[in-house]
């Protein structure tokens, strides 16, 4: 628990907010590009040719967001953090004797490796 689960949990807790930040930044960028296109249409006929560029830039950014699968990554990291927090809370509630049973050790290893596996699948 000390050398594997808690270190994995610390890594996921450090990494998860940054994945969410980049996903949110990409979504805000897409929204701003689409809004700029709408503003350019409203300004008059002189700026209409630039609307196609803003729409295409927003489409490129949306394609990058879907290709990078940041949404799935954020979901996997958050699920992993949640599962590992639940495991640590359960571990803290056990006695020393209960912690040393085969069932408990198997559960700790299983939940930790499942968290890594889910994050790995989301990254690929």
N, C-alpha and C. Protein backbone atom coordinates (compact mmCIF):
# COMPACT_ATOMS: atom_id res chain seq x y z
N UNK A 1 0.83 -1.19 0.00
CA UNK A 1 0.00 0.00 0.00
C UNK A 1 0.88 1.26 0.00
N UNK A 2 1.87 1.27 0.84
CA UNK A 2 2.70 2.46 0.99
C UNK A 2 3.53 2.74 -0.26
N UNK A 3 4.12 1.72 -0.84
CA UNK A 3 5.06 1.92 -1.93
C UNK A 3 4.43 1.85 -3.32
N UNK A 4 3.26 1.29 -3.44
CA UNK A 4 2.64 1.17 -4.75
C UNK A 4 1.38 2.02 -4.86
N UNK A 5 0.40 1.73 -4.05
CA UNK A 5 -0.90 2.39 -4.20
C UNK A 5 -0.83 3.88 -3.90
N UNK A 6 -0.17 4.23 -2.81
CA UNK A 6 -0.13 5.66 -2.45
C UNK A 6 0.72 6.47 -3.41
N UNK A 7 1.78 5.87 -3.97
CA UNK A 7 2.57 6.60 -4.95
C UNK A 7 1.81 6.76 -6.27
N UNK A 8 1.07 5.72 -6.65
CA UNK A 8 0.24 5.81 -7.86
C UNK A 8 -0.85 6.86 -7.66
N UNK A 9 -1.46 6.86 -6.49
CA UNK A 9 -2.50 7.85 -6.19
C UNK A 9 -1.93 9.26 -6.24
N UNK A 10 -0.74 9.47 -5.69
CA UNK A 10 -0.12 10.79 -5.73
C UNK A 10 0.15 11.23 -7.17
N UNK A 11 0.62 10.30 -8.00
CA UNK A 11 0.86 10.62 -9.41
C UNK A 11 -0.44 11.00 -10.12
N UNK A 12 -1.49 10.22 -9.91
CA UNK A 12 -2.77 10.51 -10.55
C UNK A 12 -3.33 11.84 -10.06
N UNK A 13 -3.17 12.14 -8.79
CA UNK A 13 -3.67 13.41 -8.25
C UNK A 13 -2.91 14.60 -8.82
N UNK A 14 -1.63 14.42 -9.14
CA UNK A 14 -0.86 15.50 -9.76
C UNK A 14 -1.21 15.66 -11.24
N UNK A 15 -1.46 14.56 -11.91
CA UNK A 15 -1.65 14.58 -13.36
C UNK A 15 -3.08 14.94 -13.76
N UNK A 16 -4.05 14.47 -13.02
CA UNK A 16 -5.46 14.63 -13.38
C UNK A 16 -5.88 16.09 -13.58
N UNK A 17 -5.53 17.02 -12.70
CA UNK A 17 -5.96 18.41 -12.92
C UNK A 17 -5.41 19.03 -14.19
N UNK A 18 -4.19 18.63 -14.57
CA UNK A 18 -3.61 19.19 -15.79
C UNK A 18 -4.31 18.66 -17.04
N UNK A 19 -4.70 17.41 -17.02
CA UNK A 19 -5.46 16.87 -18.16
C UNK A 19 -6.78 17.63 -18.30
N UNK A 20 -7.43 17.85 -17.17
CA UNK A 20 -8.69 18.60 -17.18
C UNK A 20 -8.49 20.04 -17.65
N UNK A 21 -7.38 20.64 -17.23
CA UNK A 21 -7.07 22.01 -17.66
C UNK A 21 -6.91 22.10 -19.16
N UNK A 22 -6.13 21.18 -19.74
CA UNK A 22 -5.90 21.23 -21.18
C UNK A 22 -7.18 20.95 -21.97
N UNK A 23 -8.01 20.05 -21.45
CA UNK A 23 -9.28 19.78 -22.13
C UNK A 23 -10.17 21.02 -22.08
N UNK A 24 -10.25 21.65 -20.93
CA UNK A 24 -11.09 22.84 -20.79
C UNK A 24 -10.55 23.99 -21.63
N UNK A 25 -9.23 24.13 -21.69
CA UNK A 25 -8.62 25.17 -22.51
C UNK A 25 -8.94 24.95 -23.99
N UNK A 26 -8.87 23.72 -24.45
CA UNK A 26 -9.20 23.41 -25.84
C UNK A 26 -10.67 23.71 -26.13
N UNK A 27 -11.56 23.35 -25.21
CA UNK A 27 -12.98 23.62 -25.43
C UNK A 27 -13.27 25.12 -25.44
N UNK A 28 -12.61 25.87 -24.59
CA UNK A 28 -12.81 27.33 -24.57
C UNK A 28 -12.27 27.95 -25.84
N UNK A 29 -11.13 27.45 -26.32
CA UNK A 29 -10.56 27.94 -27.58
C UNK A 29 -11.52 27.69 -28.74
N UNK A 30 -12.10 26.53 -28.79
CA UNK A 30 -13.06 26.21 -29.85
C UNK A 30 -14.27 27.14 -29.76
N UNK A 31 -14.76 27.36 -28.56
CA UNK A 31 -15.91 28.26 -28.39
C UNK A 31 -15.57 29.67 -28.85
N UNK A 32 -14.39 30.16 -28.49
CA UNK A 32 -14.00 31.52 -28.88
C UNK A 32 -13.86 31.63 -30.39
N UNK A 33 -13.29 30.61 -31.04
CA UNK A 33 -13.17 30.65 -32.50
C UNK A 33 -14.53 30.69 -33.18
N UNK A 34 -15.47 29.88 -32.68
CA UNK A 34 -16.81 29.90 -33.24
C UNK A 34 -17.49 31.23 -32.98
N UNK A 35 -17.28 31.80 -31.81
CA UNK A 35 -17.88 33.10 -31.50
C UNK A 35 -17.29 34.20 -32.38
N UNK A 36 -16.00 34.13 -32.66
CA UNK A 36 -15.37 35.11 -33.56
C UNK A 36 -15.98 35.04 -34.95
N UNK A 37 -16.27 33.86 -35.39
CA UNK A 37 -16.93 33.71 -36.70
C UNK A 37 -18.29 34.37 -36.70
N UNK A 38 -19.05 34.20 -35.63
CA UNK A 38 -20.37 34.84 -35.55
C UNK A 38 -20.24 36.35 -35.49
N UNK A 39 -19.25 36.84 -34.78
CA UNK A 39 -19.04 38.30 -34.69
C UNK A 39 -18.65 38.86 -36.05
N UNK A 40 -17.80 38.14 -36.77
CA UNK A 40 -17.38 38.61 -38.09
C UNK A 40 -18.56 38.67 -39.06
N UNK A 41 -19.47 37.74 -38.97
CA UNK A 41 -20.66 37.78 -39.82
C UNK A 41 -21.49 39.00 -39.49
N UNK A 42 -21.60 39.31 -38.20
CA UNK A 42 -22.40 40.45 -37.77
C UNK A 42 -21.79 41.79 -38.12
N UNK A 43 -20.49 41.85 -38.32
CA UNK A 43 -19.82 43.12 -38.61
C UNK A 43 -20.07 43.62 -40.03
N UNK A 44 -20.39 42.75 -40.91
CA UNK A 44 -20.67 43.21 -42.27
C UNK A 44 -20.01 42.34 -43.32
N UNK A 45 -20.21 42.75 -44.58
CA UNK A 45 -19.73 41.94 -45.69
C UNK A 45 -18.22 42.01 -45.88
N UNK A 46 -17.56 42.98 -45.30
CA UNK A 46 -16.11 43.09 -45.47
C UNK A 46 -15.37 41.95 -44.76
N UNK A 47 -15.97 41.41 -43.71
CA UNK A 47 -15.29 40.39 -42.91
C UNK A 47 -15.79 38.97 -43.17
N UNK A 48 -16.75 38.82 -44.07
CA UNK A 48 -17.32 37.49 -44.34
C UNK A 48 -16.28 36.49 -44.83
N UNK A 49 -15.29 36.87 -45.63
CA UNK A 49 -14.29 35.88 -46.07
C UNK A 49 -13.49 35.27 -44.90
N UNK A 50 -13.37 36.00 -43.80
CA UNK A 50 -12.61 35.49 -42.66
C UNK A 50 -13.41 34.50 -41.81
N UNK A 51 -14.72 34.43 -42.04
CA UNK A 51 -15.56 33.51 -41.29
C UNK A 51 -15.14 32.07 -41.57
N UNK A 52 -14.83 31.79 -42.82
CA UNK A 52 -14.41 30.43 -43.19
C UNK A 52 -13.14 30.03 -42.45
N UNK A 53 -12.24 30.98 -42.25
CA UNK A 53 -11.00 30.65 -41.52
C UNK A 53 -11.28 30.36 -40.05
N UNK A 54 -12.16 31.12 -39.43
CA UNK A 54 -12.46 30.86 -38.02
C UNK A 54 -13.19 29.53 -37.85
N UNK A 55 -14.09 29.23 -38.76
CA UNK A 55 -14.82 27.96 -38.69
C UNK A 55 -13.87 26.78 -38.91
N UNK A 56 -12.97 26.93 -39.88
CA UNK A 56 -12.01 25.83 -40.14
C UNK A 56 -11.02 25.68 -38.98
N UNK A 57 -10.60 26.77 -38.37
CA UNK A 57 -9.70 26.68 -37.21
C UNK A 57 -10.41 26.00 -36.04
N UNK A 58 -11.68 26.31 -35.84
CA UNK A 58 -12.45 25.65 -34.78
C UNK A 58 -12.61 24.17 -35.08
N UNK A 59 -12.82 23.83 -36.34
CA UNK A 59 -12.95 22.42 -36.71
C UNK A 59 -11.64 21.67 -36.50
N UNK A 60 -10.53 22.31 -36.81
CA UNK A 60 -9.22 21.68 -36.59
C UNK A 60 -8.99 21.45 -35.09
N UNK A 61 -9.31 22.45 -34.30
CA UNK A 61 -9.15 22.31 -32.85
C UNK A 61 -10.06 21.22 -32.29
N UNK A 62 -11.28 21.12 -32.79
CA UNK A 62 -12.21 20.08 -32.35
C UNK A 62 -11.69 18.70 -32.76
N UNK A 63 -11.14 18.61 -33.95
CA UNK A 63 -10.58 17.32 -34.41
C UNK A 63 -9.39 16.91 -33.54
N UNK A 64 -8.55 17.89 -33.18
CA UNK A 64 -7.43 17.58 -32.29
C UNK A 64 -7.92 17.11 -30.93
N UNK A 65 -8.95 17.75 -30.41
CA UNK A 65 -9.50 17.36 -29.11
C UNK A 65 -10.04 15.94 -29.15
N UNK A 66 -10.73 15.60 -30.21
CA UNK A 66 -11.26 14.24 -30.35
C UNK A 66 -10.14 13.23 -30.59
N UNK A 67 -9.14 13.60 -31.38
CA UNK A 67 -8.04 12.70 -31.66
C UNK A 67 -7.21 12.42 -30.42
N UNK A 68 -6.98 13.43 -29.60
CA UNK A 68 -6.16 13.26 -28.40
C UNK A 68 -6.90 12.54 -27.29
N UNK A 69 -8.21 12.43 -27.40
CA UNK A 69 -9.05 11.72 -26.43
C UNK A 69 -8.87 12.26 -25.01
N UNK A 70 -8.75 13.56 -24.89
CA UNK A 70 -8.56 14.16 -23.58
C UNK A 70 -9.76 13.92 -22.67
N UNK A 71 -10.94 13.88 -23.23
CA UNK A 71 -12.13 13.62 -22.42
C UNK A 71 -12.08 12.25 -21.77
N UNK A 72 -11.68 11.24 -22.54
CA UNK A 72 -11.55 9.88 -21.99
C UNK A 72 -10.42 9.80 -20.97
N UNK A 73 -9.35 10.55 -21.22
CA UNK A 73 -8.24 10.55 -20.28
C UNK A 73 -8.64 11.16 -18.94
N UNK A 74 -9.34 12.29 -19.00
CA UNK A 74 -9.80 12.94 -17.77
C UNK A 74 -10.74 12.01 -17.01
N UNK A 75 -11.63 11.37 -17.73
CA UNK A 75 -12.56 10.43 -17.10
C UNK A 75 -11.81 9.26 -16.44
N UNK A 76 -10.82 8.72 -17.14
CA UNK A 76 -10.05 7.58 -16.60
C UNK A 76 -9.25 8.00 -15.37
N UNK A 77 -8.60 9.15 -15.43
CA UNK A 77 -7.83 9.63 -14.28
C UNK A 77 -8.75 9.87 -13.08
N UNK A 78 -9.88 10.52 -13.30
CA UNK A 78 -10.79 10.80 -12.19
C UNK A 78 -11.36 9.52 -11.58
N UNK A 79 -11.69 8.56 -12.42
CA UNK A 79 -12.18 7.28 -11.91
C UNK A 79 -11.10 6.56 -11.12
N UNK A 80 -9.87 6.60 -11.61
CA UNK A 80 -8.76 5.96 -10.92
C UNK A 80 -8.52 6.61 -9.55
N UNK A 81 -8.54 7.93 -9.52
CA UNK A 81 -8.34 8.64 -8.25
C UNK A 81 -9.45 8.28 -7.27
N UNK A 82 -10.68 8.25 -7.76
CA UNK A 82 -11.81 7.91 -6.90
C UNK A 82 -11.69 6.49 -6.35
N UNK A 83 -11.37 5.53 -7.20
CA UNK A 83 -11.23 4.13 -6.76
C UNK A 83 -10.08 3.97 -5.77
N UNK A 84 -8.97 4.65 -6.01
CA UNK A 84 -7.84 4.53 -5.11
C UNK A 84 -8.10 5.22 -3.77
N UNK A 85 -8.81 6.34 -3.81
CA UNK A 85 -9.19 6.98 -2.54
C UNK A 85 -10.10 6.06 -1.73
N UNK A 86 -11.05 5.43 -2.39
CA UNK A 86 -11.92 4.48 -1.69
C UNK A 86 -11.11 3.34 -1.09
N UNK A 87 -10.13 2.85 -1.83
CA UNK A 87 -9.29 1.77 -1.35
C UNK A 87 -8.47 2.21 -0.13
N UNK A 88 -7.88 3.40 -0.18
CA UNK A 88 -7.09 3.90 0.94
C UNK A 88 -7.97 4.10 2.17
N UNK A 89 -9.17 4.62 1.97
CA UNK A 89 -10.09 4.79 3.10
C UNK A 89 -10.47 3.45 3.72
N UNK A 90 -10.72 2.46 2.87
CA UNK A 90 -11.03 1.13 3.38
C UNK A 90 -9.83 0.53 4.11
N UNK A 91 -8.64 0.74 3.57
CA UNK A 91 -7.41 0.24 4.19
C UNK A 91 -7.21 0.87 5.58
N UNK A 92 -7.45 2.17 5.67
CA UNK A 92 -7.27 2.85 6.94
C UNK A 92 -8.25 2.37 8.01
N UNK A 93 -9.38 1.83 7.58
CA UNK A 93 -10.38 1.34 8.52
C UNK A 93 -10.14 -0.09 8.98
N UNK A 94 -9.12 -0.74 8.44
CA UNK A 94 -8.84 -2.14 8.80
C UNK A 94 -7.80 -2.22 9.92
N UNK A 95 -7.86 -3.30 10.65
CA UNK A 95 -6.85 -3.56 11.66
C UNK A 95 -5.61 -4.14 11.00
N UNK A 96 -4.52 -4.23 11.75
CA UNK A 96 -3.28 -4.78 11.18
C UNK A 96 -3.47 -6.22 10.74
N UNK A 97 -4.26 -6.96 11.47
CA UNK A 97 -4.51 -8.36 11.12
C UNK A 97 -5.33 -8.45 9.84
N UNK A 98 -6.34 -7.62 9.70
CA UNK A 98 -7.17 -7.64 8.48
C UNK A 98 -6.37 -7.20 7.26
N UNK A 99 -5.44 -6.30 7.44
CA UNK A 99 -4.63 -5.83 6.32
C UNK A 99 -3.73 -6.92 5.75
N UNK A 100 -3.38 -7.89 6.55
CA UNK A 100 -2.43 -8.92 6.12
C UNK A 100 -3.09 -10.15 5.52
N UNK A 101 -4.40 -10.15 5.39
CA UNK A 101 -5.06 -11.33 4.81
C UNK A 101 -4.83 -11.34 3.30
N UNK A 102 -4.90 -12.52 2.75
CA UNK A 102 -4.71 -12.68 1.31
C UNK A 102 -5.79 -11.92 0.52
N UNK A 103 -7.00 -11.92 1.02
CA UNK A 103 -8.10 -11.25 0.34
C UNK A 103 -7.84 -9.74 0.26
N UNK A 104 -7.36 -9.14 1.33
CA UNK A 104 -7.08 -7.71 1.33
C UNK A 104 -5.93 -7.37 0.40
N UNK A 105 -4.87 -8.15 0.45
CA UNK A 105 -3.72 -7.90 -0.42
C UNK A 105 -4.13 -8.04 -1.88
N UNK A 106 -4.92 -9.05 -2.18
CA UNK A 106 -5.39 -9.25 -3.56
C UNK A 106 -6.24 -8.07 -4.02
N UNK A 107 -7.07 -7.56 -3.13
CA UNK A 107 -7.91 -6.41 -3.50
C UNK A 107 -7.06 -5.17 -3.73
N UNK A 108 -6.08 -4.93 -2.89
CA UNK A 108 -5.21 -3.75 -3.05
C UNK A 108 -4.47 -3.81 -4.38
N UNK A 109 -3.89 -4.96 -4.67
CA UNK A 109 -3.15 -5.11 -5.93
C UNK A 109 -4.11 -5.00 -7.11
N UNK A 110 -5.27 -5.62 -7.02
CA UNK A 110 -6.23 -5.60 -8.12
C UNK A 110 -6.74 -4.21 -8.44
N UNK A 111 -7.12 -3.46 -7.42
CA UNK A 111 -7.65 -2.11 -7.65
C UNK A 111 -6.56 -1.19 -8.19
N UNK A 112 -5.36 -1.31 -7.66
CA UNK A 112 -4.26 -0.46 -8.13
C UNK A 112 -3.91 -0.75 -9.58
N UNK A 113 -3.79 -2.01 -9.92
CA UNK A 113 -3.44 -2.37 -11.30
C UNK A 113 -4.58 -2.06 -12.26
N UNK A 114 -5.82 -2.20 -11.81
CA UNK A 114 -6.96 -1.84 -12.66
C UNK A 114 -6.96 -0.35 -12.95
N UNK A 115 -6.60 0.46 -11.96
CA UNK A 115 -6.52 1.90 -12.18
C UNK A 115 -5.47 2.23 -13.23
N UNK A 116 -4.28 1.61 -13.11
CA UNK A 116 -3.24 1.81 -14.12
C UNK A 116 -3.69 1.36 -15.49
N UNK A 117 -4.36 0.22 -15.55
CA UNK A 117 -4.81 -0.32 -16.82
C UNK A 117 -5.82 0.60 -17.49
N UNK A 118 -6.78 1.10 -16.73
CA UNK A 118 -7.78 2.00 -17.30
C UNK A 118 -7.16 3.30 -17.81
N UNK A 119 -6.20 3.83 -17.08
CA UNK A 119 -5.52 5.04 -17.54
C UNK A 119 -4.69 4.74 -18.79
N UNK A 120 -4.03 3.60 -18.81
CA UNK A 120 -3.24 3.21 -19.98
C UNK A 120 -4.11 3.04 -21.22
N UNK A 121 -5.27 2.45 -21.06
CA UNK A 121 -6.18 2.29 -22.19
C UNK A 121 -6.65 3.65 -22.70
N UNK A 122 -6.93 4.56 -21.78
CA UNK A 122 -7.38 5.90 -22.19
C UNK A 122 -6.29 6.68 -22.91
N UNK A 123 -5.05 6.42 -22.56
CA UNK A 123 -3.94 7.13 -23.19
C UNK A 123 -3.62 6.60 -24.59
N UNK A 124 -4.01 5.36 -24.87
CA UNK A 124 -3.67 4.77 -26.19
C UNK A 124 -4.85 4.76 -27.10
